[in-house]
C-alpha atoms as a PDB file:
ATOM      1  CA  MET A   1      93.273 268.310 -97.492  1.00  0.00           C
ATOM      2  CA  ALA A   2      94.510 269.744-100.774  1.00  0.00           C
ATOM      3  CA  THR A   3      93.008 268.500-104.028  1.00  0.00           C
ATOM      4  CA  GLU A   4      96.479 267.715-105.415  1.00  0.00           C
ATOM      5  CA  PHE A   5      96.930 264.971-102.819  1.00  0.00           C
ATOM      6  CA  ASP A   6      97.832 261.743-104.656  1.00  0.00           C
ATOM      7  CA  THR A   7      95.631 258.998-103.230  1.00  0.00           C
ATOM      8  CA  ASN A   8      97.694 256.385-105.094  1.00  0.00           C
ATOM      9  CA  ASN A   9     100.955 257.314-103.348  1.00  0.00           C
ATOM     10  CA  SER A  10     101.551 255.349-100.153  1.00  0.00           C
ATOM     11  CA  GLN A  11     104.219 257.810 -99.017  1.00  0.00           C
ATOM     12  CA  GLU A  12     101.717 260.659 -98.996  1.00  0.00           C
ATOM     13  CA  TRP A  13      99.431 258.626 -96.748  1.00  0.00           C
ATOM     14  CA  GLU A  14     102.405 257.701 -94.559  1.00  0.00           C
ATOM     15  CA  TYR A  15     103.313 261.372 -94.187  1.00  0.00           C
ATOM     16  CA  ILE A  16      99.807 262.097 -92.893  1.00  0.00           C
ATOM     17  CA  TYR A  17     100.231 259.441 -90.196  1.00  0.00           C
ATOM     18  CA  ILE A  18     103.679 260.731 -89.264  1.00  0.00           C
ATOM     19  CA  GLU A  19     102.299 264.272 -88.960  1.00  0.00           C
ATOM     20  CA  GLY A  20      99.255 263.069 -87.020  1.00  0.00           C
ATOM     21  CA  ASP A  21      96.884 264.728 -89.492  1.00  0.00           C
ATOM     22  CA  THR A  22      94.378 261.873 -89.183  1.00  0.00           C
ATOM     23  CA  SER A  23      91.062 263.571 -88.526  1.00  0.00           C
ATOM     24  CA  TRP A  24      89.203 260.337 -89.349  1.00  0.00           C
ATOM     25  CA  ASP A  25      90.973 258.476 -86.530  1.00  0.00           C
ATOM     26  CA  LEU A  26      88.611 258.083 -83.556  1.00  0.00           C
ATOM     27  CA  GLY A  27      91.282 256.584 -81.305  1.00  0.00           C
ATOM     28  CA  ARG A  28      88.871 253.802 -80.328  1.00  0.00           C
ATOM     29  CA  PRO A  29      86.498 251.295 -81.949  1.00  0.00           C
ATOM     30  CA  THR A  30      83.578 252.765 -83.878  1.00  0.00           C
ATOM     31  CA  PRO A  31      80.450 252.535 -81.662  1.00  0.00           C
ATOM     32  CA  VAL A  32      78.266 251.423 -84.575  1.00  0.00           C
ATOM     33  CA  PHE A  33      80.655 248.578 -85.347  1.00  0.00           C
ATOM     34  CA  VAL A  34      80.841 247.531 -81.705  1.00  0.00           C
ATOM     35  CA  ASP A  35      77.104 246.863 -81.933  1.00  0.00           C
ATOM     36  CA  ILE A  36      77.578 245.049 -85.254  1.00  0.00           C
ATOM     37  CA  ALA A  37      80.188 242.765 -83.684  1.00  0.00           C
ATOM     38  CA  LYS A  38      77.721 241.838 -80.949  1.00  0.00           C
ATOM     39  CA  ASN A  39      74.929 241.014 -83.387  1.00  0.00           C
ATOM     40  CA  TYR A  40      76.719 239.160 -86.182  1.00  0.00           C
ATOM     41  CA  LYS A  41      78.248 235.689 -86.113  1.00  0.00           C
ATOM     42  CA  PRO A  42      82.064 235.715 -86.032  1.00  0.00           C
ATOM     43  CA  ALA A  43      83.518 234.808 -89.423  1.00  0.00           C
ATOM     44  CA  ASN A  44      86.077 236.081 -91.934  1.00  0.00           C
ATOM     45  CA  ILE A  45      86.098 239.898 -92.123  1.00  0.00           C
ATOM     46  CA  CYS A  46      88.215 242.212 -94.254  1.00  0.00           C
ATOM     47  CA  ILE A  47      88.713 245.856 -93.289  1.00  0.00           C
ATOM     48  CA  LEU A  48      89.835 247.981 -96.234  1.00  0.00           C
ATOM     49  CA  GLY A  49      91.735 251.160 -95.379  1.00  0.00           C
ATOM     50  CA  CYS A  50      91.860 249.990 -91.767  1.00  0.00           C
ATOM     51  CA  GLY A  51      93.957 252.851 -90.380  1.00  0.00           C
ATOM     52  CA  HIS A  52      95.190 252.247 -86.845  1.00  0.00           C
ATOM     53  CA  GLY A  53      92.888 249.263 -86.667  1.00  0.00           C
ATOM     54  CA  TYR A  54      90.834 249.899 -83.542  1.00  0.00           C
ATOM     55  CA  ASP A  55      87.926 248.141 -85.242  1.00  0.00           C
ATOM     56  CA  ALA A  56      90.198 245.336 -86.448  1.00  0.00           C
ATOM     57  CA  ILE A  57      91.386 244.736 -82.881  1.00  0.00           C
ATOM     58  CA  MET A  58      87.838 244.898 -81.513  1.00  0.00           C
ATOM     59  CA  PHE A  59      86.491 242.379 -84.054  1.00  0.00           C
ATOM     60  CA  SER A  60      89.445 240.068 -83.413  1.00  0.00           C
ATOM     61  CA  GLU A  61      88.792 240.199 -79.672  1.00  0.00           C
ATOM     62  CA  ARG A  62      85.229 239.075 -80.403  1.00  0.00           C
ATOM     63  CA  GLY A  63      86.326 236.013 -82.342  1.00  0.00           C
ATOM     64  CA  PHE A  64      86.275 237.273 -85.938  1.00  0.00           C
ATOM     65  CA  ASN A  65      89.051 236.194 -88.300  1.00  0.00           C
ATOM     66  CA  VAL A  66      90.340 239.635 -89.322  1.00  0.00           C
ATOM     67  CA  THR A  67      92.292 240.759 -92.372  1.00  0.00           C
ATOM     68  CA  ALA A  68      93.258 244.441 -92.164  1.00  0.00           C
ATOM     69  CA  VAL A  69      94.552 246.326 -95.218  1.00  0.00           C
ATOM     70  CA  ASP A  70      96.123 249.767 -95.368  1.00  0.00           C
ATOM     71  CA  PHE A  71      98.350 251.568 -97.852  1.00  0.00           C
ATOM     72  CA  ALA A  72     100.625 253.200 -95.255  1.00  0.00           C
ATOM     73  CA  PRO A  73     103.151 251.252 -93.160  1.00  0.00           C
ATOM     74  CA  SER A  74     102.717 253.150 -89.869  1.00  0.00           C
ATOM     75  CA  PRO A  75      99.138 252.031 -89.123  1.00  0.00           C
ATOM     76  CA  ILE A  76      99.952 248.449 -90.078  1.00  0.00           C
ATOM     77  CA  ASN A  77     102.934 248.503 -87.703  1.00  0.00           C
ATOM     78  CA  PHE A  78     100.640 249.918 -85.019  1.00  0.00           C
ATOM     79  CA  ILE A  79      98.151 247.057 -85.462  1.00  0.00           C
ATOM     80  CA  ASN A  80     100.873 244.421 -85.452  1.00  0.00           C
ATOM     81  CA  LYS A  81     102.238 245.742 -82.158  1.00  0.00           C
ATOM     82  CA  LYS A  82      98.784 245.950 -80.559  1.00  0.00           C
ATOM     83  CA  ALA A  83      97.899 242.448 -81.754  1.00  0.00           C
ATOM     84  CA  LEU A  84     101.147 241.120 -80.291  1.00  0.00           C
ATOM     85  CA  ASP A  85     100.530 242.876 -76.973  1.00  0.00           C
ATOM     86  CA  LEU A  86      96.998 241.452 -76.809  1.00  0.00           C
ATOM     87  CA  SER A  87      97.919 237.977 -78.120  1.00  0.00           C
ATOM     88  CA  LEU A  88      95.593 238.400 -81.106  1.00  0.00           C
ATOM     89  CA  SER A  89      96.012 236.924 -84.573  1.00  0.00           C
ATOM     90  CA  ILE A  90      95.277 239.584 -87.229  1.00  0.00           C
ATOM     91  CA  ASN A  91      96.326 239.209 -90.845  1.00  0.00           C
ATOM     92  CA  THR A  92      97.715 242.625 -91.814  1.00  0.00           C
ATOM     93  CA  ILE A  93      98.504 243.678 -95.380  1.00  0.00           C
ATOM     94  CA  GLN A  94     100.366 246.885 -96.227  1.00  0.00           C
ATOM     95  CA  GLU A  95      99.190 247.336 -99.784  1.00  0.00           C
ATOM     96  CA  ASN A  96      97.043 249.357-102.146  1.00  0.00           C
ATOM     97  CA  ILE A  97      93.628 247.692-101.860  1.00  0.00           C
ATOM     98  CA  PHE A  98      93.469 247.434-105.651  1.00  0.00           C
ATOM     99  CA  SER A  99      96.662 245.346-105.626  1.00  0.00           C
ATOM    100  CA  LEU A 100      95.211 242.539-103.511  1.00  0.00           C
ATOM    101  CA  THR A 101      95.966 239.246-105.206  1.00  0.00           C
ATOM    102  CA  PRO A 102      93.300 236.768-106.418  1.00  0.00           C
ATOM    103  CA  GLU A 103      94.067 234.466-103.479  1.00  0.00           C
ATOM    104  CA  TYR A 104      91.735 236.692-101.423  1.00  0.00           C
ATOM    105  CA  ASN A 105      88.785 236.337-103.807  1.00  0.00           C
ATOM    106  CA  ASN A 106      85.687 234.721-102.266  1.00  0.00           C
ATOM    107  CA  GLN A 107      87.410 234.544 -98.878  1.00  0.00           C
ATOM    108  CA  PHE A 108      85.325 236.909 -96.772  1.00  0.00           C
ATOM    109  CA  ASP A 109      81.925 236.794 -95.131  1.00  0.00           C
ATOM    110  CA  TYR A 110      82.054 240.504 -94.299  1.00  0.00           C
ATOM    111  CA  ILE A 111      83.805 243.595 -95.570  1.00  0.00           C
ATOM    112  CA  LEU A 112      83.866 246.630 -93.322  1.00  0.00           C
ATOM    113  CA  GLU A 113      83.692 250.039 -94.976  1.00  0.00           C
ATOM    114  CA  GLN A 114      84.423 253.276 -93.200  1.00  0.00           C
ATOM    115  CA  THR A 115      86.344 256.203 -94.744  1.00  0.00           C
ATOM    116  CA  CYS A 116      87.980 254.004 -97.387  1.00  0.00           C
ATOM    117  CA  PHE A 117      85.450 254.639-100.172  1.00  0.00           C
ATOM    118  CA  CYS A 118      85.752 258.400 -99.629  1.00  0.00           C
ATOM    119  CA  ALA A 119      89.572 258.249 -99.538  1.00  0.00           C
ATOM    120  CA  ILE A 120      90.162 256.667-102.929  1.00  0.00           C
ATOM    121  CA  ASN A 121      90.113 258.669-106.142  1.00  0.00           C
ATOM    122  CA  PRO A 122      86.422 258.896-107.185  1.00  0.00           C
ATOM    123  CA  ASP A 123      87.415 257.583-110.626  1.00  0.00           C
ATOM    124  CA  ASN A 124      88.132 254.264-108.902  1.00  0.00           C
ATOM    125  CA  ARG A 125      84.734 253.779-107.291  1.00  0.00           C
ATOM    126  CA  LYS A 126      83.562 251.246-109.865  1.00  0.00           C
ATOM    127  CA  LYS A 127      86.874 249.488-109.335  1.00  0.00           C
ATOM    128  CA  TYR A 128      86.145 249.484-105.594  1.00  0.00           C
ATOM    129  CA  HIS A 129      82.771 247.850-106.251  1.00  0.00           C
ATOM    130  CA  ASN A 130      84.428 245.165-108.375  1.00  0.00           C
ATOM    131  CA  LEU A 131      87.040 244.544-105.674  1.00  0.00           C
ATOM    132  CA  VAL A 132      84.407 244.098-102.981  1.00  0.00           C
ATOM    133  CA  SER A 133      82.411 241.794-105.256  1.00  0.00           C
ATOM    134  CA  ASN A 134      85.477 239.617-105.780  1.00  0.00           C
ATOM    135  CA  LEU A 135      86.539 239.502-102.130  1.00  0.00           C
ATOM    136  CA  LEU A 136      83.158 238.512-100.709  1.00  0.00           C
ATOM    137  CA  LYS A 137      81.769 235.030-100.684  1.00  0.00           C
ATOM    138  CA  PRO A 138      78.303 234.622-102.230  1.00  0.00           C
ATOM    139  CA  GLY A 139      75.909 235.831 -99.552  1.00  0.00           C
ATOM    140  CA  GLY A 140      78.621 237.955 -97.969  1.00  0.00           C
ATOM    141  CA  LEU A 141      77.963 241.423 -96.596  1.00  0.00           C
ATOM    142  CA  ILE A 142      79.550 244.803 -97.054  1.00  0.00           C
ATOM    143  CA  ILE A 143      78.847 246.645 -93.827  1.00  0.00           C
ATOM    144  CA  GLY A 144      79.302 250.294 -94.675  1.00  0.00           C
ATOM    145  CA  LEU A 145      79.251 253.541 -92.776  1.00  0.00           C
ATOM    146  CA  TRP A 146      79.098 255.707 -95.883  1.00  0.00           C
ATOM    147  CA  TYR A 147      80.619 259.132 -95.327  1.00  0.00           C
ATOM    148  CA  PRO A 148      80.656 262.139 -95.857  1.00  0.00           C
ATOM    149  CA  LEU A 149      77.134 262.539 -97.226  1.00  0.00           C
ATOM    150  CA  ASP A 150      77.181 266.319 -96.771  1.00  0.00           C
ATOM    151  CA  LYS A 151      80.083 266.954 -99.140  1.00  0.00           C
ATOM    152  CA  LYS A 152      80.119 267.306-102.930  1.00  0.00           C
ATOM    153  CA  LEU A 153      82.688 265.719-105.209  1.00  0.00           C
ATOM    154  CA  SER A 154      83.451 269.181-106.539  1.00  0.00           C
ATOM    155  CA  ASP A 155      84.684 270.120-103.054  1.00  0.00           C
ATOM    156  CA  GLY A 156      87.706 267.894-103.604  1.00  0.00           C
ATOM    157  CA  GLY A 157      89.347 265.592-101.115  1.00  0.00           C
ATOM    158  CA  PRO A 158      90.125 263.266 -99.618  1.00  0.00           C
ATOM    159  CA  ALA A 159      87.703 262.852 -98.032  1.00  0.00           C
ATOM    160  CA  PHE A 160      85.763 263.009-101.300  1.00  0.00           C
ATOM    161  CA  GLY A 161      82.030 263.574-101.147  1.00  0.00           C
ATOM    162  CA  VAL A 162      79.696 260.589-101.163  1.00  0.00           C
ATOM    163  CA  SER A 163      76.019 260.476-102.116  1.00  0.00           C
ATOM    164  CA  GLU A 164      73.495 257.904-101.009  1.00  0.00           C
ATOM    165  CA  ASN A 165      72.125 257.668-104.555  1.00  0.00           C
ATOM    166  CA  GLU A 166      75.577 256.958-105.988  1.00  0.00           C
ATOM    167  CA  ILE A 167      76.187 254.160-103.496  1.00  0.00           C
ATOM    168  CA  LYS A 168      72.848 252.514-104.231  1.00  0.00           C
ATOM    169  CA  MET A 169      73.388 252.773-107.970  1.00  0.00           C
ATOM    170  CA  LEU A 170      76.847 251.242-107.614  1.00  0.00           C
ATOM    171  CA  PHE A 171      75.477 248.303-105.618  1.00  0.00           C
ATOM    172  CA  ASN A 172      72.299 248.005-107.673  1.00  0.00           C
ATOM    173  CA  HIS A 173      72.829 244.708-109.503  1.00  0.00           C
ATOM    174  CA  GLY A 174      73.643 241.515-107.654  1.00  0.00           C
ATOM    175  CA  TRP A 175      73.069 243.056-104.226  1.00  0.00           C
ATOM    176  CA  GLU A 176      70.238 243.575-101.795  1.00  0.00           C
ATOM    177  CA  ILE A 177      69.996 246.029 -98.918  1.00  0.00           C
ATOM    178  CA  LEU A 178      69.694 244.282 -95.552  1.00  0.00           C
ATOM    179  CA  GLU A 179      69.772 247.360 -93.353  1.00  0.00           C
ATOM    180  CA  GLU A 180      69.727 251.111 -93.856  1.00  0.00           C
ATOM    181  CA  ARG A 181      69.659 253.805 -91.168  1.00  0.00           C
ATOM    182  CA  PHE A 182      71.295 256.855 -89.695  1.00  0.00           C
ATOM    183  CA  PRO A 183      72.900 255.418 -86.544  1.00  0.00           C
ATOM    184  CA  GLU A 184      71.851 256.920 -83.235  1.00  0.00           C
ATOM    185  CA  ASN A 185      75.326 256.257 -81.872  1.00  0.00           C
ATOM    186  CA  SER A 186      77.393 257.938 -84.583  1.00  0.00           C
ATOM    187  CA  VAL A 187      80.245 259.934 -83.105  1.00  0.00           C
ATOM    188  CA  GLU A 188      79.227 263.571 -82.704  1.00  0.00           C
ATOM    189  CA  ALA A 189      81.314 264.935 -85.579  1.00  0.00           C
ATOM    190  CA  ARG A 190      79.696 262.494 -88.026  1.00  0.00           C
ATOM    191  CA  ALA A 191      76.102 262.455 -86.800  1.00  0.00           C
ATOM    192  CA  GLY A 192      73.796 262.923 -89.791  1.00  0.00           C
ATOM    193  CA  ARG A 193      76.797 262.863 -92.120  1.00  0.00           C
ATOM    194  CA  GLU A 194      77.150 259.077 -92.309  1.00  0.00           C
ATOM    195  CA  LYS A 195      74.649 256.343 -92.991  1.00  0.00           C
ATOM    196  CA  LEU A 196      74.818 252.655 -92.218  1.00  0.00           C
ATOM    197  CA  ILE A 197      73.885 250.663 -95.310  1.00  0.00           C
ATOM    198  CA  ILE A 198      74.528 246.932 -95.340  1.00  0.00           C
ATOM    199  CA  PHE A 199      74.508 245.242 -98.745  1.00  0.00           C
ATOM    200  CA  LYS A 200      74.331 241.492 -99.275  1.00  0.00           C
ATOM    201  CA  ARG A 201      75.952 239.889-102.299  1.00  0.00           C
ATOM    202  CA  VAL A 202      73.335 237.684-103.954  1.00  0.00           C
END
């Protein structure tokens, strides 16, 4: 994707969905998160940059109270239709994640991260950290599949490169790492390029 892409323009993201240029879209729930849903107690979960919401639907089916946020209208419409068809209750928000109102602060037990951190302008990564800190309850978890670890920021984006060291420095104070591993069940195109790191807000 060209470096001049404006990550803060919802219409540019919408155009990508209309054109079907969504290489990050697996078309199904993320295998790593399917396992997470089986092993964690259902509670309030927020999915930032949720896309077509396959994970949002999967978590909702497993009893989680899901809030799904995306900048573009098409994926939100897709989720709303799927939720209606499946008789699921999913709170969808078509909004820039950085425009979420204070009513959502301290509301979530979990935040799910996958291809949102790498999609925002890298200048906003500290802002992303602050957002997550505000949204989570004390003791809440950010469950992240951090990607792409094999790309440099200088390569442009989105997706913009992500480094393990940067992530750990960003979540250094007020957080502890609960789990850290390269998942055995990453999808083939991302194997070795993404790492599961779960941080707990303390």
